[in-house]
Each structure stands twice: as structure tokens, then as C-alpha cells.
Amino acid sequence: GLRREEALGIKYGDINKMRKTLSISRAFIQSQL
């Protein structure tokens, strides 16, 4: 259910193996300008 820009902003360090969770803290976009 992530937004596209949230998924693209995921780094491997955002993945918590022990808890099996993902931290969403940034987004990656391309400027339309």
C-alpha cells in the first residue's frame, strides 16, 4: 500500500529484519519542472 515515491525512497537500512517491518521516512520524485 505504499505510494510509488515512498517505495522508491526505501533504503536497505529501513528494513528491520528482527521485527519484519519497514520504516517509511523519505520519498523519491522527479521534478516536473
PDB file of all heavy atoms in Angstrom:
ATOM      1  N   GLY A   1       0.795  -1.219   0.000  1.00  0.00           N
ATOM      2  CA  GLY A   1       0.000   0.000   0.000  1.00  0.00           C
ATOM      3  C   GLY A   1       0.828   1.270   0.000  1.00  0.00           C
ATOM      4  O   GLY A   1       0.306   2.348   0.246  1.00  0.00           O
ATOM      5  N   LEU A   2       2.120   1.173  -0.291  1.00  0.00           N
ATOM      6  CA  LEU A   2       2.962   2.362  -0.306  1.00  0.00           C
ATOM      7  C   LEU A   2       2.669   3.225  -1.525  1.00  0.00           C
ATOM      8  O   LEU A   2       2.291   2.716  -2.575  1.00  0.00           O
ATOM      9  CB  LEU A   2       4.446   1.973  -0.350  1.00  0.00           C
ATOM     10  CG  LEU A   2       5.005   1.219   0.846  1.00  0.00           C
ATOM     11  CD1 LEU A   2       6.467   0.866   0.600  1.00  0.00           C
ATOM     12  CD2 LEU A   2       4.864   2.037   2.107  1.00  0.00           C
ATOM     13  N   ARG A   3       2.883   4.513  -1.368  1.00  0.00           N
ATOM     14  CA  ARG A   3       2.878   5.404  -2.514  1.00  0.00           C
ATOM     15  C   ARG A   3       4.125   5.077  -3.338  1.00  0.00           C
ATOM     16  O   ARG A   3       5.144   4.678  -2.789  1.00  0.00           O
ATOM     17  CB  ARG A   3       2.923   6.851  -2.062  1.00  0.00           C
ATOM     18  CG  ARG A   3       1.688   7.286  -1.290  1.00  0.00           C
ATOM     19  CD  ARG A   3       1.859   8.705  -0.724  1.00  0.00           C
ATOM     20  NE  ARG A   3       0.692   9.108   0.022  1.00  0.00           N
ATOM     21  CZ  ARG A   3       0.546   8.971   1.352  1.00  0.00           C
ATOM     22  NH1 ARG A   3       1.529   8.454   2.066  1.00  0.00           N
ATOM     23  NH2 ARG A   3      -0.559   9.354   1.951  1.00  0.00           N
ATOM     24  N   ARG A   4       4.060   5.289  -4.636  1.00  0.00           N
ATOM     25  CA  ARG A   4       5.201   4.976  -5.510  1.00  0.00           C
ATOM     26  C   ARG A   4       6.459   5.686  -5.026  1.00  0.00           C
ATOM     27  O   ARG A   4       7.527   5.084  -4.934  1.00  0.00           O
ATOM     28  CB  ARG A   4       4.870   5.372  -6.946  1.00  0.00           C
ATOM     29  CG  ARG A   4       5.997   5.150  -7.934  1.00  0.00           C
ATOM     30  CD  ARG A   4       5.639   5.596  -9.318  1.00  0.00           C
ATOM     31  NE  ARG A   4       5.572   7.044  -9.376  1.00  0.00           N
ATOM     32  CZ  ARG A   4       5.405   7.737 -10.491  1.00  0.00           C
ATOM     33  NH1 ARG A   4       5.236   7.112 -11.641  1.00  0.00           N
ATOM     34  NH2 ARG A   4       5.371   9.041 -10.477  1.00  0.00           N
ATOM     35  N   GLU A   5       6.342   6.966  -4.696  1.00  0.00           N
ATOM     36  CA  GLU A   5       7.513   7.738  -4.282  1.00  0.00           C
ATOM     37  C   GLU A   5       8.067   7.263  -2.934  1.00  0.00           C
ATOM     38  O   GLU A   5       9.263   7.383  -2.669  1.00  0.00           O
ATOM     39  CB  GLU A   5       7.216   9.237  -4.261  1.00  0.00           C
ATOM     40  CG  GLU A   5       6.126   9.674  -3.315  1.00  0.00           C
ATOM     41  CD  GLU A   5       4.718   9.694  -3.922  1.00  0.00           C
ATOM     42  OE1 GLU A   5       4.491   9.074  -4.984  1.00  0.00           O
ATOM     43  OE2 GLU A   5       3.840  10.314  -3.308  1.00  0.00           O
ATOM     44  N   GLU A   6       7.202   6.706  -2.080  1.00  0.00           N
ATOM     45  CA  GLU A   6       7.674   6.154  -0.803  1.00  0.00           C
ATOM     46  C   GLU A   6       8.473   4.880  -1.046  1.00  0.00           C
ATOM     47  O   GLU A   6       9.527   4.674  -0.445  1.00  0.00           O
ATOM     48  CB  GLU A   6       6.484   5.841   0.117  1.00  0.00           C
ATOM     49  CG  GLU A   6       5.761   7.053   0.631  1.00  0.00           C
ATOM     50  CD  GLU A   6       4.475   6.705   1.359  1.00  0.00           C
ATOM     51  OE1 GLU A   6       3.950   5.578   1.233  1.00  0.00           O
ATOM     52  OE2 GLU A   6       3.981   7.592   2.078  1.00  0.00           O
ATOM     53  N   ALA A   7       7.970   4.019  -1.934  1.00  0.00           N
ATOM     54  CA  ALA A   7       8.677   2.772  -2.243  1.00  0.00           C
ATOM     55  C   ALA A   7      10.064   3.070  -2.814  1.00  0.00           C
ATOM     56  O   ALA A   7      11.052   2.437  -2.439  1.00  0.00           O
ATOM     57  CB  ALA A   7       7.862   1.925  -3.226  1.00  0.00           C
ATOM     58  N   LEU A   8      10.135   4.045  -3.706  1.00  0.00           N
ATOM     59  CA  LEU A   8      11.424   4.393  -4.322  1.00  0.00           C
ATOM     60  C   LEU A   8      12.405   4.987  -3.312  1.00  0.00           C
ATOM     61  O   LEU A   8      13.610   4.940  -3.525  1.00  0.00           O
ATOM     62  CB  LEU A   8      11.208   5.352  -5.490  1.00  0.00           C
ATOM     63  CG  LEU A   8      10.553   4.727  -6.710  1.00  0.00           C
ATOM     64  CD1 LEU A   8      10.148   5.794  -7.713  1.00  0.00           C
ATOM     65  CD2 LEU A   8      11.461   3.698  -7.348  1.00  0.00           C
ATOM     66  N   GLY A   9      11.902   5.542  -2.221  1.00  0.00           N
ATOM     67  CA  GLY A   9      12.759   6.142  -1.201  1.00  0.00           C
ATOM     68  C   GLY A   9      13.279   5.165  -0.162  1.00  0.00           C
ATOM     69  O   GLY A   9      14.027   5.549   0.742  1.00  0.00           O
ATOM     70  N   ILE A  10      12.940   3.884  -0.265  1.00  0.00           N
ATOM     71  CA  ILE A  10      13.356   2.892   0.732  1.00  0.00           C
ATOM     72  C   ILE A  10      14.833   2.555   0.570  1.00  0.00           C
ATOM     73  O   ILE A  10      15.307   2.277  -0.526  1.00  0.00           O
ATOM     74  CB  ILE A  10      12.526   1.594   0.591  1.00  0.00           C
ATOM     75  CG1 ILE A  10      11.056   1.870   0.863  1.00  0.00           C
ATOM     76  CG2 ILE A  10      13.061   0.514   1.543  1.00  0.00           C
ATOM     77  CD1 ILE A  10      10.166   0.701   0.476  1.00  0.00           C
ATOM     78  N   LYS A  11      15.529   2.571   1.694  1.00  0.00           N
ATOM     79  CA  LYS A  11      16.917   2.110   1.740  1.00  0.00           C
ATOM     80  C   LYS A  11      16.934   0.781   2.498  1.00  0.00           C
ATOM     81  O   LYS A  11      16.034   0.493   3.291  1.00  0.00           O
ATOM     82  CB  LYS A  11      17.811   3.124   2.458  1.00  0.00           C
ATOM     83  CG  LYS A  11      17.981   4.418   1.697  1.00  0.00           C
ATOM     84  CD  LYS A  11      18.961   5.332   2.414  1.00  0.00           C
ATOM     85  CE  LYS A  11      19.215   6.594   1.602  1.00  0.00           C
ATOM     86  NZ  LYS A  11      20.267   7.422   2.205  1.00  0.00           N
ATOM     87  N   TYR A  12      17.972  -0.009   2.261  1.00  0.00           N
ATOM     88  CA  TYR A  12      18.056  -1.310   2.945  1.00  0.00           C
ATOM     89  C   TYR A  12      18.066  -1.150   4.462  1.00  0.00           C
ATOM     90  O   TYR A  12      17.546  -1.992   5.186  1.00  0.00           O
ATOM     91  CB  TYR A  12      19.282  -2.088   2.465  1.00  0.00           C
ATOM     92  CG  TYR A  12      19.078  -2.702   1.110  1.00  0.00           C
ATOM     93  CD1 TYR A  12      19.634  -2.126  -0.030  1.00  0.00           C
ATOM     94  CD2 TYR A  12      18.296  -3.841   0.950  1.00  0.00           C
ATOM     95  CE1 TYR A  12      19.421  -2.677  -1.291  1.00  0.00           C
ATOM     96  CE2 TYR A  12      18.075  -4.396  -0.306  1.00  0.00           C
ATOM     97  CZ  TYR A  12      18.647  -3.808  -1.413  1.00  0.00           C
ATOM     98  OH  TYR A  12      18.426  -4.350  -2.658  1.00  0.00           O
ATOM     99  N   GLY A  13      18.613  -0.049   4.952  1.00  0.00           N
ATOM    100  CA  GLY A  13      18.631   0.207   6.390  1.00  0.00           C
ATOM    101  C   GLY A  13      17.258   0.479   6.977  1.00  0.00           C
ATOM    102  O   GLY A  13      17.078   0.445   8.192  1.00  0.00           O
ATOM    103  N   ASP A  14      16.262   0.732   6.120  1.00  0.00           N
ATOM    104  CA  ASP A  14      14.891   0.963   6.585  1.00  0.00           C
ATOM    105  C   ASP A  14      14.162  -0.343   6.883  1.00  0.00           C
ATOM    106  O   ASP A  14      13.069  -0.328   7.445  1.00  0.00           O
ATOM    107  CB  ASP A  14      14.094   1.737   5.522  1.00  0.00           C
ATOM    108  CG  ASP A  14      14.671   3.110   5.240  1.00  0.00           C
ATOM    109  OD1 ASP A  14      15.253   3.714   6.163  1.00  0.00           O
ATOM    110  OD2 ASP A  14      14.526   3.578   4.095  1.00  0.00           O
ATOM    111  N   ILE A  15      14.767  -1.457   6.501  1.00  0.00           N
ATOM    112  CA  ILE A  15      14.152  -2.769   6.694  1.00  0.00           C
ATOM    113  C   ILE A  15      14.658  -3.353   8.008  1.00  0.00           C
ATOM    114  O   ILE A  15      15.854  -3.520   8.203  1.00  0.00           O
ATOM    115  CB  ILE A  15      14.499  -3.719   5.525  1.00  0.00           C
ATOM    116  CG1 ILE A  15      14.036  -3.105   4.196  1.00  0.00           C
ATOM    117  CG2 ILE A  15      13.891  -5.094   5.749  1.00  0.00           C
ATOM    118  CD1 ILE A  15      14.602  -3.796   2.976  1.00  0.00           C
ATOM    119  N   ASN A  16      13.740  -3.637   8.916  1.00  0.00           N
ATOM    120  CA  ASN A  16      14.095  -4.218  10.209  1.00  0.00           C
ATOM    121  C   ASN A  16      13.835  -5.724  10.148  1.00  0.00           C
ATOM    122  O   ASN A  16      12.680  -6.160  10.171  1.00  0.00           O
ATOM    123  CB  ASN A  16      13.284  -3.565  11.329  1.00  0.00           C
ATOM    124  CG  ASN A  16      13.710  -4.026  12.703  1.00  0.00           C
ATOM    125  OD1 ASN A  16      13.954  -5.209  12.930  1.00  0.00           O
ATOM    126  ND2 ASN A  16      13.783  -3.090  13.629  1.00  0.00           N
ATOM    127  N   LYS A  17      14.913  -6.500  10.047  1.00  0.00           N
ATOM    128  CA  LYS A  17      14.788  -7.954   9.894  1.00  0.00           C
ATOM    129  C   LYS A  17      14.167  -8.620  11.118  1.00  0.00           C
ATOM    130  O   LYS A  17      13.382  -9.551  10.983  1.00  0.00           O
ATOM    131  CB  LYS A  17      16.159  -8.566   9.634  1.00  0.00           C
ATOM    132  CG  LYS A  17      16.769  -8.172   8.320  1.00  0.00           C
ATOM    133  CD  LYS A  17      18.143  -8.768   8.174  1.00  0.00           C
ATOM    134  CE  LYS A  17      18.838  -8.236   6.945  1.00  0.00           C
ATOM    135  NZ  LYS A  17      20.177  -8.784   6.790  1.00  0.00           N
ATOM    136  N   MET A  18      14.522  -8.134  12.291  1.00  0.00           N
ATOM    137  CA  MET A  18      14.020  -8.764  13.520  1.00  0.00           C
ATOM    138  C   MET A  18      12.508  -8.552  13.675  1.00  0.00           C
ATOM    139  O   MET A  18      11.789  -9.470  14.015  1.00  0.00           O
ATOM    140  CB  MET A  18      14.751  -8.201  14.741  1.00  0.00           C
ATOM    141  CG  MET A  18      16.245  -8.487  14.739  1.00  0.00           C
ATOM    142  SD  MET A  18      16.627 -10.242  14.829  1.00  0.00           S
ATOM    143  CE  MET A  18      16.099 -10.599  16.479  1.00  0.00           C
ATOM    144  N   ARG A  19      12.071  -7.338  13.422  1.00  0.00           N
ATOM    145  CA  ARG A  19      10.652  -7.011  13.603  1.00  0.00           C
ATOM    146  C   ARG A  19       9.828  -7.263  12.345  1.00  0.00           C
ATOM    147  O   ARG A  19       8.601  -7.215  12.391  1.00  0.00           O
ATOM    148  CB  ARG A  19      10.507  -5.547  14.016  1.00  0.00           C
ATOM    149  CG  ARG A  19      11.060  -5.258  15.393  1.00  0.00           C
ATOM    150  CD  ARG A  19      11.162  -3.764  15.702  1.00  0.00           C
ATOM    151  NE  ARG A  19       9.996  -2.967  15.384  1.00  0.00           N
ATOM    152  CZ  ARG A  19       9.010  -2.672  16.232  1.00  0.00           C
ATOM    153  NH1 ARG A  19       9.079  -3.117  17.470  1.00  0.00           N
ATOM    154  NH2 ARG A  19       7.995  -1.923  15.863  1.00  0.00           N
ATOM    155  N   LYS A  20      10.536  -7.496  11.215  1.00  0.00           N
ATOM    156  CA  LYS A  20       9.893  -7.648   9.903  1.00  0.00           C
ATOM    157  C   LYS A  20       9.003  -6.433   9.604  1.00  0.00           C
ATOM    158  O   LYS A  20       7.819  -6.553   9.290  1.00  0.00           O
ATOM    159  CB  LYS A  20       9.127  -8.959   9.800  1.00  0.00           C
ATOM    160  CG  LYS A  20      10.063 -10.145   9.781  1.00  0.00           C
ATOM    161  CD  LYS A  20       9.435 -11.364   9.191  1.00  0.00           C
ATOM    162  CE  LYS A  20      10.511 -12.447   9.115  1.00  0.00           C
ATOM    163  NZ  LYS A  20      10.048 -13.661   8.533  1.00  0.00           N
ATOM    164  N   THR A  21       9.656  -5.260   9.734  1.00  0.00           N
ATOM    165  CA  THR A  21       8.961  -4.009   9.463  1.00  0.00           C
ATOM    166  C   THR A  21       9.778  -3.161   8.497  1.00  0.00           C
ATOM    167  O   THR A  21      10.955  -3.432   8.244  1.00  0.00           O
ATOM    168  CB  THR A  21       8.731  -3.196  10.753  1.00  0.00           C
ATOM    169  OG1 THR A  21       9.999  -2.898  11.354  1.00  0.00           O
ATOM    170  CG2 THR A  21       7.830  -3.941  11.730  1.00  0.00           C
ATOM    171  N   LEU A  22       9.134  -2.147   8.010  1.00  0.00           N
ATOM    172  CA  LEU A  22       9.743  -1.213   7.075  1.00  0.00           C
ATOM    173  C   LEU A  22       9.454   0.201   7.570  1.00  0.00           C
ATOM    174  O   LEU A  22       8.305   0.531   7.852  1.00  0.00           O
ATOM    175  CB  LEU A  22       9.132  -1.418   5.689  1.00  0.00           C
ATOM    176  CG  LEU A  22       9.570  -0.505   4.571  1.00  0.00           C
ATOM    177  CD1 LEU A  22      11.058  -0.689   4.281  1.00  0.00           C
ATOM    178  CD2 LEU A  22       8.748  -0.786   3.324  1.00  0.00           C
ATOM    179  N   SER A  23      10.490   1.018   7.693  1.00  0.00           N
ATOM    180  CA  SER A  23      10.324   2.414   8.088  1.00  0.00           C
ATOM    181  C   SER A  23      10.227   3.273   6.833  1.00  0.00           C
ATOM    182  O   SER A  23      11.081   3.180   5.957  1.00  0.00           O
ATOM    183  CB  SER A  23      11.501   2.882   8.941  1.00  0.00           C
ATOM    184  OG  SER A  23      11.505   2.206  10.171  1.00  0.00           O
ATOM    185  N   ILE A  24       9.206   4.079   6.774  1.00  0.00           N
ATOM    186  CA  ILE A  24       8.998   4.994   5.652  1.00  0.00           C
ATOM    187  C   ILE A  24       9.374   6.384   6.159  1.00  0.00           C
ATOM    188  O   ILE A  24       8.735   6.907   7.071  1.00  0.00           O
ATOM    189  CB  ILE A  24       7.520   5.002   5.187  1.00  0.00           C
ATOM    190  CG1 ILE A  24       6.983   3.590   4.988  1.00  0.00           C
ATOM    191  CG2 ILE A  24       7.348   5.866   3.949  1.00  0.00           C
ATOM    192  CD1 ILE A  24       7.742   2.763   4.005  1.00  0.00           C
ATOM    193  N   SER A  25      10.429   6.961   5.584  1.00  0.00           N
ATOM    194  CA  SER A  25      10.888   8.258   6.092  1.00  0.00           C
ATOM    195  C   SER A  25      11.270   9.243   4.989  1.00  0.00           C
ATOM    196  O   SER A  25      11.638  10.372   5.279  1.00  0.00           O
ATOM    197  CB  SER A  25      12.088   8.052   7.021  1.00  0.00           C
ATOM    198  OG  SER A  25      13.141   7.417   6.323  1.00  0.00           O
ATOM    199  N   ARG A  26      11.183   8.825   3.730  1.00  0.00           N
ATOM    200  CA  ARG A  26      11.558   9.721   2.633  1.00  0.00           C
ATOM    201  C   ARG A  26      10.813   9.311   1.373  1.00  0.00           C
ATOM    202  O   ARG A  26      10.249   8.222   1.300  1.00  0.00           O
ATOM    203  CB  ARG A  26      13.070   9.718   2.408  1.00  0.00           C
ATOM    204  CG  ARG A  26      13.624   8.461   1.767  1.00  0.00           C
ATOM    205  CD  ARG A  26      15.144   8.388   1.789  1.00  0.00           C
ATOM    206  NE  ARG A  26      15.700   8.155   3.096  1.00  0.00           N
ATOM    207  CZ  ARG A  26      15.657   6.984   3.741  1.00  0.00           C
ATOM    208  NH1 ARG A  26      15.080   5.941   3.199  1.00  0.00           N
ATOM    209  NH2 ARG A  26      16.191   6.848   4.927  1.00  0.00           N
ATOM    210  N   ALA A  27      10.850  10.192   0.403  1.00  0.00           N
ATOM    211  CA  ALA A  27      10.213   9.933  -0.887  1.00  0.00           C
ATOM    212  C   ALA A  27      11.175  10.340  -1.989  1.00  0.00           C
ATOM    213  O   ALA A  27      12.008  11.226  -1.810  1.00  0.00           O
ATOM    214  CB  ALA A  27       8.913  10.718  -1.000  1.00  0.00           C
ATOM    215  N   PHE A  28      11.063   9.681  -3.125  1.00  0.00           N
ATOM    216  CA  PHE A  28      11.914   9.971  -4.269  1.00  0.00           C
ATOM    217  C   PHE A  28      11.022  10.347  -5.440  1.00  0.00           C
ATOM    218  O   PHE A  28      10.157   9.574  -5.838  1.00  0.00           O
ATOM    219  CB  PHE A  28      12.765   8.743  -4.608  1.00  0.00           C
ATOM    220  CG  PHE A  28      13.596   8.920  -5.840  1.00  0.00           C
ATOM    221  CD1 PHE A  28      14.640   9.814  -5.873  1.00  0.00           C
ATOM    222  CD2 PHE A  28      13.316   8.184  -6.979  1.00  0.00           C
ATOM    223  CE1 PHE A  28      15.410   9.978  -7.022  1.00  0.00           C
ATOM    224  CE2 PHE A  28      14.077   8.329  -8.134  1.00  0.00           C
ATOM    225  CZ  PHE A  28      15.124   9.236  -8.150  1.00  0.00           C
ATOM    226  N   ILE A  29      11.226  11.547  -5.952  1.00  0.00           N
ATOM    227  CA  ILE A  29      10.392  12.035  -7.049  1.00  0.00           C
ATOM    228  C   ILE A  29      11.263  12.589  -8.173  1.00  0.00           C
ATOM    229  O   ILE A  29      12.461  12.790  -7.993  1.00  0.00           O
ATOM    230  CB  ILE A  29       9.416  13.140  -6.580  1.00  0.00           C
ATOM    231  CG1 ILE A  29      10.195  14.357  -6.055  1.00  0.00           C
ATOM    232  CG2 ILE A  29       8.441  12.608  -5.558  1.00  0.00           C
ATOM    233  CD1 ILE A  29       9.356  15.593  -5.870  1.00  0.00           C
ATOM    234  N   GLN A  30      10.636  12.839  -9.296  1.00  0.00           N
ATOM    235  CA  GLN A  30      11.300  13.515 -10.401  1.00  0.00           C
ATOM    236  C   GLN A  30      10.563  14.826 -10.617  1.00  0.00           C
ATOM    237  O   GLN A  30       9.345  14.846 -10.791  1.00  0.00           O
ATOM    238  CB  GLN A  30      11.262  12.654 -11.664  1.00  0.00           C
ATOM    239  CG  GLN A  30      12.068  13.238 -12.780  1.00  0.00           C
ATOM    240  CD  GLN A  30      12.354  12.213 -13.866  1.00  0.00           C
ATOM    241  OE1 GLN A  30      12.444  11.027 -13.595  1.00  0.00           O
ATOM    242  NE2 GLN A  30      12.487  12.672 -15.085  1.00  0.00           N
ATOM    243  N   SER A  31      11.292  15.927 -10.602  1.00  0.00           N
ATOM    244  CA  SER A  31      10.704  17.252 -10.762  1.00  0.00           C
ATOM    245  C   SER A  31      10.028  17.371 -12.121  1.00  0.00           C
ATOM    246  O   SER A  31      10.605  17.005 -13.151  1.00  0.00           O
ATOM    247  CB  SER A  31      11.779  18.326 -10.626  1.00  0.00           C
ATOM    248  OG  SER A  31      11.256  19.581 -11.009  1.00  0.00           O
ATOM    249  N   GLN A  32       8.822  17.881 -12.118  1.00  0.00           N
ATOM    250  CA  GLN A  32       8.110  18.100 -13.384  1.00  0.00           C
ATOM    251  C   GLN A  32       8.624  19.348 -14.084  1.00  0.00           C
ATOM    252  O   GLN A  32       8.397  19.529 -15.271  1.00  0.00           O
ATOM    253  CB  GLN A  32       6.613  18.193 -13.128  1.00  0.00           C
ATOM    254  CG  GLN A  32       6.016  16.882 -12.669  1.00  0.00           C
ATOM    255  CD  GLN A  32       4.522  16.960 -12.453  1.00  0.00           C
ATOM    256  OE1 GLN A  32       3.935  18.022 -12.409  1.00  0.00           O
ATOM    257  NE2 GLN A  32       3.900  15.802 -12.304  1.00  0.00           N
ATOM    258  N   LEU A  33       9.339  20.208 -13.349  1.00  0.00           N
ATOM    259  CA  LEU A  33       9.857  21.445 -13.945  1.00  0.00           C
ATOM    260  C   LEU A  33      11.121  21.208 -14.761  1.00  0.00           C
ATOM    261  O   LEU A  33      11.215  21.622 -15.910  1.00  0.00           O
ATOM    262  CB  LEU A  33      10.137  22.478 -12.847  1.00  0.00           C
ATOM    263  CG  LEU A  33       8.925  22.965 -12.071  1.00  0.00           C
ATOM    264  CD1 LEU A  33       9.358  23.889 -10.937  1.00  0.00           C
ATOM    265  CD2 LEU A  33       7.953  23.685 -12.998  1.00  0.00           C
TER     266      LEU A  33
END
